[in-house]
Amino acid sequence: MPETHIELADLTFPKSVYESLGRTFYPCILNFYDNEENKKAFEKWVEEKKES
């Protein structure tokens, strides 16, 4: 079977896919940022990324 290469930039999805993902992840994101330790860990990660 030949290997298939798919360019991610060429993929398109219906708006409903993005909306569904948003509804799925949004509560988890809010829950993550409600925790002060998670906020600090994220800020630390961002700073480390800026330095490298």
N, C-alpha and C. Protein backbone atom coordinates (compact mmCIF):
# COMPACT_ATOMS: atom_id res chain seq x y z
N MET A 1 0.85 -1.18 0.00
CA MET A 1 0.00 0.00 0.00
C MET A 1 0.89 1.24 0.00
N PRO A 2 0.66 2.18 -0.91
CA PRO A 2 1.50 3.38 -0.96
C PRO A 2 1.27 4.29 0.24
N GLU A 3 2.35 4.95 0.63
CA GLU A 3 2.27 5.88 1.75
C GLU A 3 1.56 7.15 1.28
N THR A 4 0.64 7.66 2.09
CA THR A 4 -0.11 8.86 1.74
C THR A 4 0.34 10.01 2.61
N HIS A 5 0.60 11.14 1.99
CA HIS A 5 0.99 12.35 2.72
C HIS A 5 -0.16 13.34 2.65
N ILE A 6 -0.60 13.81 3.80
CA ILE A 6 -1.68 14.78 3.86
C ILE A 6 -1.15 16.08 4.44
N GLU A 7 -1.36 17.16 3.73
CA GLU A 7 -0.97 18.48 4.22
C GLU A 7 -2.04 18.97 5.18
N LEU A 8 -1.66 19.21 6.43
CA LEU A 8 -2.63 19.66 7.42
C LEU A 8 -3.23 21.01 7.05
N ALA A 9 -2.46 21.86 6.39
CA ALA A 9 -2.95 23.17 6.00
C ALA A 9 -4.09 23.05 4.98
N ASP A 10 -4.17 21.93 4.28
CA ASP A 10 -5.20 21.73 3.26
C ASP A 10 -6.50 21.16 3.82
N LEU A 11 -6.49 20.77 5.09
CA LEU A 11 -7.69 20.18 5.68
C LEU A 11 -8.68 21.26 6.06
N THR A 12 -9.92 21.00 5.79
CA THR A 12 -10.99 21.91 6.22
C THR A 12 -12.06 21.08 6.90
N PHE A 13 -12.68 21.68 7.90
CA PHE A 13 -13.72 21.00 8.65
C PHE A 13 -14.94 21.90 8.73
N PRO A 14 -16.10 21.32 8.85
CA PRO A 14 -17.30 22.15 9.03
C PRO A 14 -17.25 22.90 10.35
N LYS A 15 -17.91 24.03 10.40
CA LYS A 15 -17.94 24.86 11.61
C LYS A 15 -18.43 24.06 12.81
N SER A 16 -19.32 23.12 12.60
CA SER A 16 -19.88 22.32 13.69
C SER A 16 -18.80 21.51 14.41
N VAL A 17 -17.76 21.11 13.71
CA VAL A 17 -16.66 20.36 14.32
C VAL A 17 -15.93 21.24 15.33
N TYR A 18 -15.64 22.48 14.93
CA TYR A 18 -14.96 23.40 15.83
C TYR A 18 -15.84 23.75 17.03
N GLU A 19 -17.12 23.94 16.79
CA GLU A 19 -18.04 24.25 17.88
C GLU A 19 -18.13 23.10 18.87
N SER A 20 -18.17 21.88 18.35
CA SER A 20 -18.24 20.70 19.21
C SER A 20 -16.98 20.57 20.06
N LEU A 21 -15.82 20.79 19.45
CA LEU A 21 -14.57 20.74 20.20
C LEU A 21 -14.54 21.82 21.27
N GLY A 22 -15.01 22.99 20.93
CA GLY A 22 -15.06 24.08 21.90
C GLY A 22 -15.95 23.75 23.08
N ARG A 23 -17.11 23.19 22.82
CA ARG A 23 -18.02 22.81 23.91
C ARG A 23 -17.43 21.70 24.76
N THR A 24 -16.62 20.86 24.16
CA THR A 24 -16.01 19.75 24.89
C THR A 24 -14.87 20.24 25.79
N PHE A 25 -14.00 21.09 25.24
CA PHE A 25 -12.80 21.49 25.97
C PHE A 25 -12.99 22.69 26.89
N TYR A 26 -13.93 23.56 26.60
CA TYR A 26 -14.09 24.80 27.36
C TYR A 26 -14.27 24.55 28.86
N PRO A 27 -15.15 23.65 29.30
CA PRO A 27 -15.29 23.42 30.74
C PRO A 27 -14.00 22.93 31.40
N CYS A 28 -13.23 22.12 30.68
CA CYS A 28 -11.96 21.63 31.21
C CYS A 28 -10.95 22.76 31.34
N ILE A 29 -10.94 23.66 30.38
CA ILE A 29 -10.02 24.80 30.43
C ILE A 29 -10.37 25.70 31.60
N LEU A 30 -11.66 25.99 31.77
CA LEU A 30 -12.08 26.81 32.90
C LEU A 30 -11.69 26.16 34.22
N ASN A 31 -11.90 24.87 34.33
CA ASN A 31 -11.56 24.13 35.54
C ASN A 31 -10.05 24.20 35.81
N PHE A 32 -9.26 24.09 34.76
CA PHE A 32 -7.80 24.16 34.90
C PHE A 32 -7.39 25.51 35.48
N TYR A 33 -7.94 26.59 34.95
CA TYR A 33 -7.52 27.92 35.38
C TYR A 33 -8.15 28.36 36.69
N ASP A 34 -9.10 27.60 37.21
CA ASP A 34 -9.64 27.89 38.53
C ASP A 34 -8.63 27.54 39.62
N ASN A 35 -7.68 26.69 39.30
CA ASN A 35 -6.68 26.25 40.25
C ASN A 35 -5.46 27.18 40.17
N GLU A 36 -5.12 27.82 41.27
CA GLU A 36 -4.01 28.77 41.30
C GLU A 36 -2.67 28.12 40.96
N GLU A 37 -2.47 26.88 41.39
CA GLU A 37 -1.22 26.18 41.08
C GLU A 37 -1.07 25.97 39.57
N ASN A 38 -2.17 25.67 38.89
CA ASN A 38 -2.13 25.48 37.44
C ASN A 38 -1.78 26.78 36.73
N LYS A 39 -2.34 27.89 37.21
CA LYS A 39 -2.03 29.20 36.62
C LYS A 39 -0.53 29.48 36.73
N LYS A 40 0.03 29.23 37.91
CA LYS A 40 1.45 29.49 38.12
C LYS A 40 2.31 28.57 37.25
N ALA A 41 1.92 27.31 37.15
CA ALA A 41 2.68 26.37 36.33
C ALA A 41 2.64 26.79 34.85
N PHE A 42 1.49 27.26 34.39
CA PHE A 42 1.38 27.71 33.01
C PHE A 42 2.24 28.95 32.78
N GLU A 43 2.20 29.90 33.69
CA GLU A 43 3.01 31.11 33.56
C GLU A 43 4.50 30.76 33.54
N LYS A 44 4.90 29.82 34.36
CA LYS A 44 6.29 29.37 34.37
C LYS A 44 6.66 28.74 33.03
N TRP A 45 5.77 27.92 32.49
CA TRP A 45 6.02 27.27 31.20
C TRP A 45 6.16 28.31 30.10
N VAL A 46 5.31 29.34 30.11
CA VAL A 46 5.39 30.40 29.10
C VAL A 46 6.73 31.12 29.19
N GLU A 47 7.18 31.42 30.38
CA GLU A 47 8.46 32.10 30.57
C GLU A 47 9.61 31.24 30.07
N GLU A 48 9.55 29.95 30.34
CA GLU A 48 10.59 29.04 29.87
C GLU A 48 10.63 28.99 28.35
N LYS A 49 9.47 29.04 27.72
CA LYS A 49 9.40 29.02 26.25
C LYS A 49 9.98 30.30 25.66
N LYS A 50 9.78 31.43 26.34
CA LYS A 50 10.31 32.70 25.86
C LYS A 50 11.84 32.69 25.90
N GLU A 51 12.41 32.02 26.90
CA GLU A 51 13.85 31.99 27.08
C GLU A 51 14.55 31.08 26.07
N SER A 52 13.84 30.08 25.58
CA SER A 52 14.49 29.15 24.65
C SER A 52 14.27 29.48 23.20
